[in-house]
All heavy atoms as atom14 arrays in JSON, in Angstrom:
{
  "sequence": "VNQVIAMAAAHGLQVQLTLFDWWGSYSDTASSDRWV",
  "atom14_mask": [
    [1, 1, 1, 1, 1, 1, 1, 0, 0, 0, 0, 0, 0, 0],
    [1, 1, 1, 1, 1, 1, 1, 1, 0, 0, 0, 0, 0, 0],
    [1, 1, 1, 1, 1, 1, 1, 1, 1, 0, 0, 0, 0, 0],
    [1, 1, 1, 1, 1, 1, 1, 0, 0, 0, 0, 0, 0, 0],
    [1, 1, 1, 1, 1, 1, 1, 1, 0, 0, 0, 0, 0, 0],
    [1, 1, 1, 1, 1, 0, 0, 0, 0, 0, 0, 0, 0, 0],
    [1, 1, 1, 1, 1, 1, 1, 1, 0, 0, 0, 0, 0, 0],
    [1, 1, 1, 1, 1, 0, 0, 0, 0, 0, 0, 0, 0, 0],
    [1, 1, 1, 1, 1, 0, 0, 0, 0, 0, 0, 0, 0, 0],
    [1, 1, 1, 1, 1, 0, 0, 0, 0, 0, 0, 0, 0, 0],
    [1, 1, 1, 1, 1, 1, 1, 1, 1, 1, 0, 0, 0, 0],
    [1, 1, 1, 1, 0, 0, 0, 0, 0, 0, 0, 0, 0, 0],
    [1, 1, 1, 1, 1, 1, 1, 1, 0, 0, 0, 0, 0, 0],
    [1, 1, 1, 1, 1, 1, 1, 1, 1, 0, 0, 0, 0, 0],
    [1, 1, 1, 1, 1, 1, 1, 0, 0, 0, 0, 0, 0, 0],
    [1, 1, 1, 1, 1, 1, 1, 1, 1, 0, 0, 0, 0, 0],
    [1, 1, 1, 1, 1, 1, 1, 1, 0, 0, 0, 0, 0, 0],
    [1, 1, 1, 1, 1, 1, 1, 0, 0, 0, 0, 0, 0, 0],
    [1, 1, 1, 1, 1, 1, 1, 1, 0, 0, 0, 0, 0, 0],
    [1, 1, 1, 1, 1, 1, 1, 1, 1, 1, 1, 0, 0, 0],
    [1, 1, 1, 1, 1, 1, 1, 1, 0, 0, 0, 0, 0, 0],
    [1, 1, 1, 1, 1, 1, 1, 1, 1, 1, 1, 1, 1, 1],
    [1, 1, 1, 1, 1, 1, 1, 1, 1, 1, 1, 1, 1, 1],
    [1, 1, 1, 1, 0, 0, 0, 0, 0, 0, 0, 0, 0, 0],
    [1, 1, 1, 1, 1, 1, 0, 0, 0, 0, 0, 0, 0, 0],
    [1, 1, 1, 1, 1, 1, 1, 1, 1, 1, 1, 1, 0, 0],
    [1, 1, 1, 1, 1, 1, 0, 0, 0, 0, 0, 0, 0, 0],
    [1, 1, 1, 1, 1, 1, 1, 1, 0, 0, 0, 0, 0, 0],
    [1, 1, 1, 1, 1, 1, 1, 0, 0, 0, 0, 0, 0, 0],
    [1, 1, 1, 1, 1, 0, 0, 0, 0, 0, 0, 0, 0, 0],
    [1, 1, 1, 1, 1, 1, 0, 0, 0, 0, 0, 0, 0, 0],
    [1, 1, 1, 1, 1, 1, 0, 0, 0, 0, 0, 0, 0, 0],
    [1, 1, 1, 1, 1, 1, 1, 1, 0, 0, 0, 0, 0, 0],
    [1, 1, 1, 1, 1, 1, 1, 1, 1, 1, 1, 0, 0, 0],
    [1, 1, 1, 1, 1, 1, 1, 1, 1, 1, 1, 1, 1, 1],
    [1, 1, 1, 1, 1, 1, 1, 0, 0, 0, 0, 0, 0, 0]
  ],
  "atom14_positions": [
    [[-40.2, 32.8, -109.61], [-39.7, 31.68, -110.45], [-40.57, 30.42, -110.01], [-41.02, 29.75, -110.95], [-38.24, 31.41, -110.14], [-37.8, 30.05, -110.85], [-37.37, 32.58, -110.64], [0.0, 0.0, 0.0], [0.0, 0.0, 0.0], [0.0, 0.0, 0.0], [0.0, 0.0, 0.0], [0.0, 0.0, 0.0], [0.0, 0.0, 0.0], [0.0, 0.0, 0.0]],
    [[-40.78, 30.18, -108.72], [-41.53, 28.95, -108.38], [-43.0, 29.19, -108.84], [-43.62, 28.13, -109.2], [-41.53, 28.94, -106.87], [-40.09, 28.5, -106.35], [-39.28, 27.93, -107.13], [-39.84, 28.73, -105.07], [0.0, 0.0, 0.0], [0.0, 0.0, 0.0], [0.0, 0.0, 0.0], [0.0, 0.0, 0.0], [0.0, 0.0, 0.0], [0.0, 0.0, 0.0]],
    [[-43.56, 30.35, -108.88], [-44.94, 30.56, -109.26], [-45.05, 30.26, -110.85], [-46.01, 29.59, -111.3], [-45.25, 32.01, -109.03], [-46.48, 32.15, -108.1], [-46.92, 33.57, -108.01], [-46.13, 34.46, -107.6], [-48.11, 33.84, -108.38], [0.0, 0.0, 0.0], [0.0, 0.0, 0.0], [0.0, 0.0, 0.0], [0.0, 0.0, 0.0], [0.0, 0.0, 0.0]],
    [[-44.05, 30.7, -111.56], [-44.04, 30.43, -113.02], [-44.11, 28.84, -113.33], [-44.88, 28.4, -114.1], [-42.87, 31.11, -113.71], [-42.66, 30.47, -115.1], [-43.05, 32.57, -113.79], [0.0, 0.0, 0.0], [0.0, 0.0, 0.0], [0.0, 0.0, 0.0], [0.0, 0.0, 0.0], [0.0, 0.0, 0.0], [0.0, 0.0, 0.0], [0.0, 0.0, 0.0]],
    [[-43.21, 28.12, -112.57], [-43.2, 26.69, -112.73], [-44.55, 26.15, -112.35], [-45.1, 25.2, -113.01], [-42.08, 26.15, -111.89], [-40.73, 26.54, -112.41], [-42.15, 24.55, -111.81], [-39.55, 26.32, -111.48], [0.0, 0.0, 0.0], [0.0, 0.0, 0.0], [0.0, 0.0, 0.0], [0.0, 0.0, 0.0], [0.0, 0.0, 0.0], [0.0, 0.0, 0.0]],
    [[-45.13, 26.56, -111.29], [-46.44, 26.05, -110.8], [-47.55, 26.34, -111.78], [-48.38, 25.51, -112.12], [-46.72, 26.53, -109.42], [0.0, 0.0, 0.0], [0.0, 0.0, 0.0], [0.0, 0.0, 0.0], [0.0, 0.0, 0.0], [0.0, 0.0, 0.0], [0.0, 0.0, 0.0], [0.0, 0.0, 0.0], [0.0, 0.0, 0.0], [0.0, 0.0, 0.0]],
    [[-47.53, 27.67, -112.28], [-48.51, 28.0, -113.32], [-48.44, 27.14, -114.63], [-49.44, 26.74, -115.13], [-48.53, 29.52, -113.6], [-49.09, 30.4, -112.55], [-49.16, 32.15, -113.04], [-47.5, 32.58, -113.05], [0.0, 0.0, 0.0], [0.0, 0.0, 0.0], [0.0, 0.0, 0.0], [0.0, 0.0, 0.0], [0.0, 0.0, 0.0], [0.0, 0.0, 0.0]],
    [[-47.19, 26.9, -114.97], [-47.03, 26.18, -116.17], [-47.56, 24.68, -115.99], [-48.26, 24.19, -116.83], [-45.55, 26.07, -116.54], [0.0, 0.0, 0.0], [0.0, 0.0, 0.0], [0.0, 0.0, 0.0], [0.0, 0.0, 0.0], [0.0, 0.0, 0.0], [0.0, 0.0, 0.0], [0.0, 0.0, 0.0], [0.0, 0.0, 0.0], [0.0, 0.0, 0.0]],
    [[-47.27, 24.13, -114.84], [-47.69, 22.83, -114.52], [-49.24, 22.78, -114.43], [-49.77, 21.78, -114.87], [-47.02, 22.3, -113.21], [0.0, 0.0, 0.0], [0.0, 0.0, 0.0], [0.0, 0.0, 0.0], [0.0, 0.0, 0.0], [0.0, 0.0, 0.0], [0.0, 0.0, 0.0], [0.0, 0.0, 0.0], [0.0, 0.0, 0.0], [0.0, 0.0, 0.0]],
    [[-49.85, 23.8, -113.98], [-51.3, 23.77, -113.84], [-51.92, 23.76, -115.23], [-53.08, 23.25, -115.36], [-51.71, 25.0, -113.12], [0.0, 0.0, 0.0], [0.0, 0.0, 0.0], [0.0, 0.0, 0.0], [0.0, 0.0, 0.0], [0.0, 0.0, 0.0], [0.0, 0.0, 0.0], [0.0, 0.0, 0.0], [0.0, 0.0, 0.0], [0.0, 0.0, 0.0]],
    [[-51.21, 24.12, -116.25], [-51.72, 24.08, -117.63], [-51.15, 22.85, -118.39], [-51.42, 22.7, -119.59], [-51.28, 25.38, -118.39], [-52.06, 26.53, -117.97], [-53.41, 26.71, -118.38], [-51.71, 27.58, -117.23], [-53.75, 27.91, -117.84], [-52.78, 28.41, -117.15], [0.0, 0.0, 0.0], [0.0, 0.0, 0.0], [0.0, 0.0, 0.0], [0.0, 0.0, 0.0]],
    [[-50.38, 21.99, -117.7], [-49.85, 20.79, -118.24], [-48.6, 21.12, -119.08], [-48.18, 20.27, -119.95], [0.0, 0.0, 0.0], [0.0, 0.0, 0.0], [0.0, 0.0, 0.0], [0.0, 0.0, 0.0], [0.0, 0.0, 0.0], [0.0, 0.0, 0.0], [0.0, 0.0, 0.0], [0.0, 0.0, 0.0], [0.0, 0.0, 0.0], [0.0, 0.0, 0.0]],
    [[-47.95, 22.25, -118.86], [-46.74, 22.57, -119.56], [-45.55, 22.3, -118.72], [-45.47, 22.61, -117.47], [-46.75, 24.1, -119.87], [-47.71, 24.65, -120.78], [-47.84, 26.16, -120.67], [-47.48, 24.17, -122.17], [0.0, 0.0, 0.0], [0.0, 0.0, 0.0], [0.0, 0.0, 0.0], [0.0, 0.0, 0.0], [0.0, 0.0, 0.0], [0.0, 0.0, 0.0]],
    [[-44.48, 21.69, -119.26], [-43.23, 21.53, -118.7], [-42.46, 22.81, -118.89], [-42.8, 23.61, -119.78], [-42.43, 20.38, -119.2], [-42.92, 19.03, -118.65], [-41.94, 17.92, -119.09], [-41.88, 17.6, -120.29], [-41.25, 17.31, -118.15], [0.0, 0.0, 0.0], [0.0, 0.0, 0.0], [0.0, 0.0, 0.0], [0.0, 0.0, 0.0], [0.0, 0.0, 0.0]],
    [[-41.45, 23.09, -118.09], [-40.6, 24.31, -118.2], [-39.13, 23.95, -118.51], [-38.59, 23.03, -117.94], [-40.62, 25.05, -116.86], [-39.75, 26.3, -116.91], [-42.13, 25.4, -116.48], [0.0, 0.0, 0.0], [0.0, 0.0, 0.0], [0.0, 0.0, 0.0], [0.0, 0.0, 0.0], [0.0, 0.0, 0.0], [0.0, 0.0, 0.0], [0.0, 0.0, 0.0]],
    [[-38.6, 24.69, -119.5], [-37.19, 24.7, -119.73], [-36.66, 25.93, -119.03], [-37.04, 27.06, -119.38], [-36.86, 24.87, -121.28], [-35.33, 24.96, -121.47], [-34.94, 25.65, -122.72], [-35.71, 25.55, -123.74], [-33.92, 26.39, -122.71], [0.0, 0.0, 0.0], [0.0, 0.0, 0.0], [0.0, 0.0, 0.0], [0.0, 0.0, 0.0], [0.0, 0.0, 0.0]],
    [[-35.86, 25.66, -118.05], [-35.16, 26.85, -117.33], [-33.88, 27.21, -117.99], [-33.05, 26.3, -118.08], [-34.92, 26.52, -115.85], [-36.26, 26.38, -114.97], [-35.75, 25.94, -113.58], [-36.92, 27.66, -114.88], [0.0, 0.0, 0.0], [0.0, 0.0, 0.0], [0.0, 0.0, 0.0], [0.0, 0.0, 0.0], [0.0, 0.0, 0.0], [0.0, 0.0, 0.0]],
    [[-33.78, 28.38, -118.51], [-32.38, 28.85, -118.93], [-31.82, 29.78, -117.94], [-32.41, 30.82, -117.64], [-32.63, 29.58, -120.34], [-33.15, 28.71, -121.33], [-31.33, 30.23, -120.81], [0.0, 0.0, 0.0], [0.0, 0.0, 0.0], [0.0, 0.0, 0.0], [0.0, 0.0, 0.0], [0.0, 0.0, 0.0], [0.0, 0.0, 0.0], [0.0, 0.0, 0.0]],
    [[-30.65, 29.41, -117.4], [-30.03, 30.09, -116.3], [-28.98, 31.05, -116.87], [-28.56, 30.95, -118.02], [-29.36, 29.09, -115.38], [-30.24, 27.91, -114.87], [-29.39, 26.97, -113.98], [-31.51, 28.43, -114.12], [0.0, 0.0, 0.0], [0.0, 0.0, 0.0], [0.0, 0.0, 0.0], [0.0, 0.0, 0.0], [0.0, 0.0, 0.0], [0.0, 0.0, 0.0]],
    [[-28.46, 31.83, -116.02], [-27.32, 32.75, -116.29], [-27.39, 33.52, -117.6], [-26.49, 33.69, -118.37], [-25.98, 31.89, -116.27], [-25.61, 31.36, -114.93], [-25.79, 30.04, -114.58], [-25.05, 32.2, -113.93], [-25.45, 29.51, -113.39], [-24.71, 31.68, -112.76], [-24.95, 30.36, -112.43], [0.0, 0.0, 0.0], [0.0, 0.0, 0.0], [0.0, 0.0, 0.0]],
    [[-28.68, 33.98, -117.87], [-28.8, 34.85, -119.08], [-28.36, 36.22, -118.85], [-28.44, 36.72, -117.69], [-30.4, 34.83, -119.44], [-30.6, 35.48, -120.76], [-29.78, 35.31, -121.67], [-31.59, 36.17, -120.93], [0.0, 0.0, 0.0], [0.0, 0.0, 0.0], [0.0, 0.0, 0.0], [0.0, 0.0, 0.0], [0.0, 0.0, 0.0], [0.0, 0.0, 0.0]],
    [[-27.68, 36.8, -119.82], [-27.09, 38.22, -119.73], [-26.11, 38.21, -118.55], [-26.1, 39.17, -117.74], [-28.16, 39.17, -119.58], [-28.98, 39.44, -120.75], [-28.95, 38.78, -121.98], [-29.96, 40.52, -120.86], [-29.79, 39.37, -122.84], [-30.47, 40.38, -122.27], [-30.49, 41.49, -120.08], [-31.5, 41.21, -122.69], [-31.46, 42.29, -120.53], [-32.0, 42.23, -121.85]],
    [[-25.26, 37.32, -118.48], [-24.26, 37.2, -117.36], [-22.97, 36.7, -117.88], [-22.93, 35.92, -118.8], [-24.87, 36.23, -116.28], [-24.05, 35.99, -115.2], [-24.1, 36.66, -113.99], [-23.05, 34.97, -115.02], [-23.22, 36.1, -113.04], [-22.54, 35.08, -113.66], [-22.5, 33.99, -115.72], [-21.54, 34.24, -113.17], [-21.5, 33.14, -115.32], [-21.02, 33.28, -114.1]],
    [[-21.85, 37.08, -117.19], [-20.54, 36.66, -117.71], [-19.46, 36.76, -116.72], [-18.28, 36.88, -117.03], [0.0, 0.0, 0.0], [0.0, 0.0, 0.0], [0.0, 0.0, 0.0], [0.0, 0.0, 0.0], [0.0, 0.0, 0.0], [0.0, 0.0, 0.0], [0.0, 0.0, 0.0], [0.0, 0.0, 0.0], [0.0, 0.0, 0.0], [0.0, 0.0, 0.0]],
    [[-19.73, 36.6, -115.42], [-18.8, 36.7, -114.33], [-18.13, 35.35, -114.16], [-18.27, 34.69, -113.09], [-19.41, 37.18, -113.04], [-19.84, 38.52, -113.17], [0.0, 0.0, 0.0], [0.0, 0.0, 0.0], [0.0, 0.0, 0.0], [0.0, 0.0, 0.0], [0.0, 0.0, 0.0], [0.0, 0.0, 0.0], [0.0, 0.0, 0.0], [0.0, 0.0, 0.0]],
    [[-17.43, 34.83, -115.21], [-17.0, 33.44, -115.33], [-15.98, 33.08, -114.21], [-15.77, 31.83, -113.98], [-16.46, 33.13, -116.66], [-17.59, 33.24, -117.68], [-17.47, 34.07, -118.86], [-18.73, 32.47, -117.64], [-18.46, 34.18, -119.8], [-19.77, 32.47, -118.63], [-19.56, 33.38, -119.66], [-20.51, 33.43, -120.67], [0.0, 0.0, 0.0], [0.0, 0.0, 0.0]],
    [[-15.31, 33.96, -113.67], [-14.24, 33.67, -112.72], [-14.83, 33.46, -111.32], [-14.19, 32.85, -110.44], [-13.23, 34.73, -112.63], [-13.78, 36.02, -112.13], [0.0, 0.0, 0.0], [0.0, 0.0, 0.0], [0.0, 0.0, 0.0], [0.0, 0.0, 0.0], [0.0, 0.0, 0.0], [0.0, 0.0, 0.0], [0.0, 0.0, 0.0], [0.0, 0.0, 0.0]],
    [[-16.12, 33.83, -111.17], [-16.73, 33.67, -109.82], [-17.58, 32.36, -109.69], [-18.73, 32.4, -109.65], [-17.59, 34.9, -109.58], [-18.05, 34.95, -108.1], [-17.75, 34.09, -107.32], [-18.77, 36.01, -107.78], [0.0, 0.0, 0.0], [0.0, 0.0, 0.0], [0.0, 0.0, 0.0], [0.0, 0.0, 0.0], [0.0, 0.0, 0.0], [0.0, 0.0, 0.0]],
    [[-16.87, 31.25, -109.67], [-17.57, 29.98, -109.54], [-18.26, 29.79, -108.23], [-19.29, 29.1, -108.19], [-16.7, 28.78, -109.91], [-15.51, 28.81, -109.06], [-16.23, 28.8, -111.38], [0.0, 0.0, 0.0], [0.0, 0.0, 0.0], [0.0, 0.0, 0.0], [0.0, 0.0, 0.0], [0.0, 0.0, 0.0], [0.0, 0.0, 0.0], [0.0, 0.0, 0.0]],
    [[-17.63, 30.29, -107.23], [-18.33, 30.13, -105.84], [-19.66, 30.78, -105.76], [-20.69, 30.18, -105.3], [-17.36, 30.69, -104.77], [0.0, 0.0, 0.0], [0.0, 0.0, 0.0], [0.0, 0.0, 0.0], [0.0, 0.0, 0.0], [0.0, 0.0, 0.0], [0.0, 0.0, 0.0], [0.0, 0.0, 0.0], [0.0, 0.0, 0.0], [0.0, 0.0, 0.0]],
    [[-19.8, 31.99, -106.31], [-21.12, 32.71, -106.33], [-22.03, 31.95, -107.26], [-23.2, 31.84, -107.03], [-21.0, 34.12, -106.73], [-20.3, 34.83, -105.7], [0.0, 0.0, 0.0], [0.0, 0.0, 0.0], [0.0, 0.0, 0.0], [0.0, 0.0, 0.0], [0.0, 0.0, 0.0], [0.0, 0.0, 0.0], [0.0, 0.0, 0.0], [0.0, 0.0, 0.0]],
    [[-21.54, 31.42, -108.39], [-22.31, 30.68, -109.4], [-22.96, 29.41, -108.69], [-24.15, 29.17, -108.85], [-21.52, 30.25, -110.6], [-20.99, 31.32, -111.26], [0.0, 0.0, 0.0], [0.0, 0.0, 0.0], [0.0, 0.0, 0.0], [0.0, 0.0, 0.0], [0.0, 0.0, 0.0], [0.0, 0.0, 0.0], [0.0, 0.0, 0.0], [0.0, 0.0, 0.0]],
    [[-22.14, 28.76, -107.87], [-22.6, 27.58, -107.23], [-23.67, 27.93, -106.16], [-24.71, 27.21, -106.12], [-21.39, 26.88, -106.46], [-20.35, 26.31, -107.49], [-20.67, 26.29, -108.65], [-19.34, 25.85, -106.89], [0.0, 0.0, 0.0], [0.0, 0.0, 0.0], [0.0, 0.0, 0.0], [0.0, 0.0, 0.0], [0.0, 0.0, 0.0], [0.0, 0.0, 0.0]],
    [[-23.5, 28.99, -105.45], [-24.52, 29.39, -104.48], [-25.79, 29.84, -105.14], [-26.83, 29.53, -104.7], [-23.96, 30.61, -103.65], [-22.96, 30.21, -102.6], [-22.68, 31.3, -101.59], [-22.15, 32.45, -102.17], [-20.73, 32.62, -102.42], [-19.95, 31.74, -102.0], [-20.33, 33.77, -102.88], [0.0, 0.0, 0.0], [0.0, 0.0, 0.0], [0.0, 0.0, 0.0]],
    [[-25.69, 30.51, -106.25], [-26.91, 30.92, -107.02], [-27.68, 29.8, -107.48], [-28.88, 29.72, -107.34], [-26.5, 31.93, -108.07], [-27.59, 32.66, -108.74], [-28.24, 33.75, -108.29], [-28.17, 32.38, -110.03], [-29.22, 34.12, -109.13], [-29.2, 33.36, -110.22], [-27.94, 31.42, -111.03], [-29.96, 33.37, -111.39], [-28.72, 31.47, -112.16], [-29.71, 32.38, -112.35]],
    [[-27.08, 28.82, -108.21], [-27.77, 27.7, -108.68], [-28.32, 26.86, -107.57], [-29.46, 26.28, -107.75], [-27.0, 26.88, -109.74], [-26.71, 27.62, -110.97], [-25.8, 26.26, -109.18], [0.0, 0.0, 0.0], [0.0, 0.0, 0.0], [0.0, 0.0, 0.0], [0.0, 0.0, 0.0], [0.0, 0.0, 0.0], [0.0, 0.0, 0.0], [0.0, 0.0, 0.0]]
  ]
}
């Protein structure tokens, strides 16, 4: 993930990060917090 951000920046591109794709464990906020 860090490499993708750095490669994009090297080309002058900003990154939109989309998190929690294909995910739905909505009751587990503690793990969500740790992950982000």
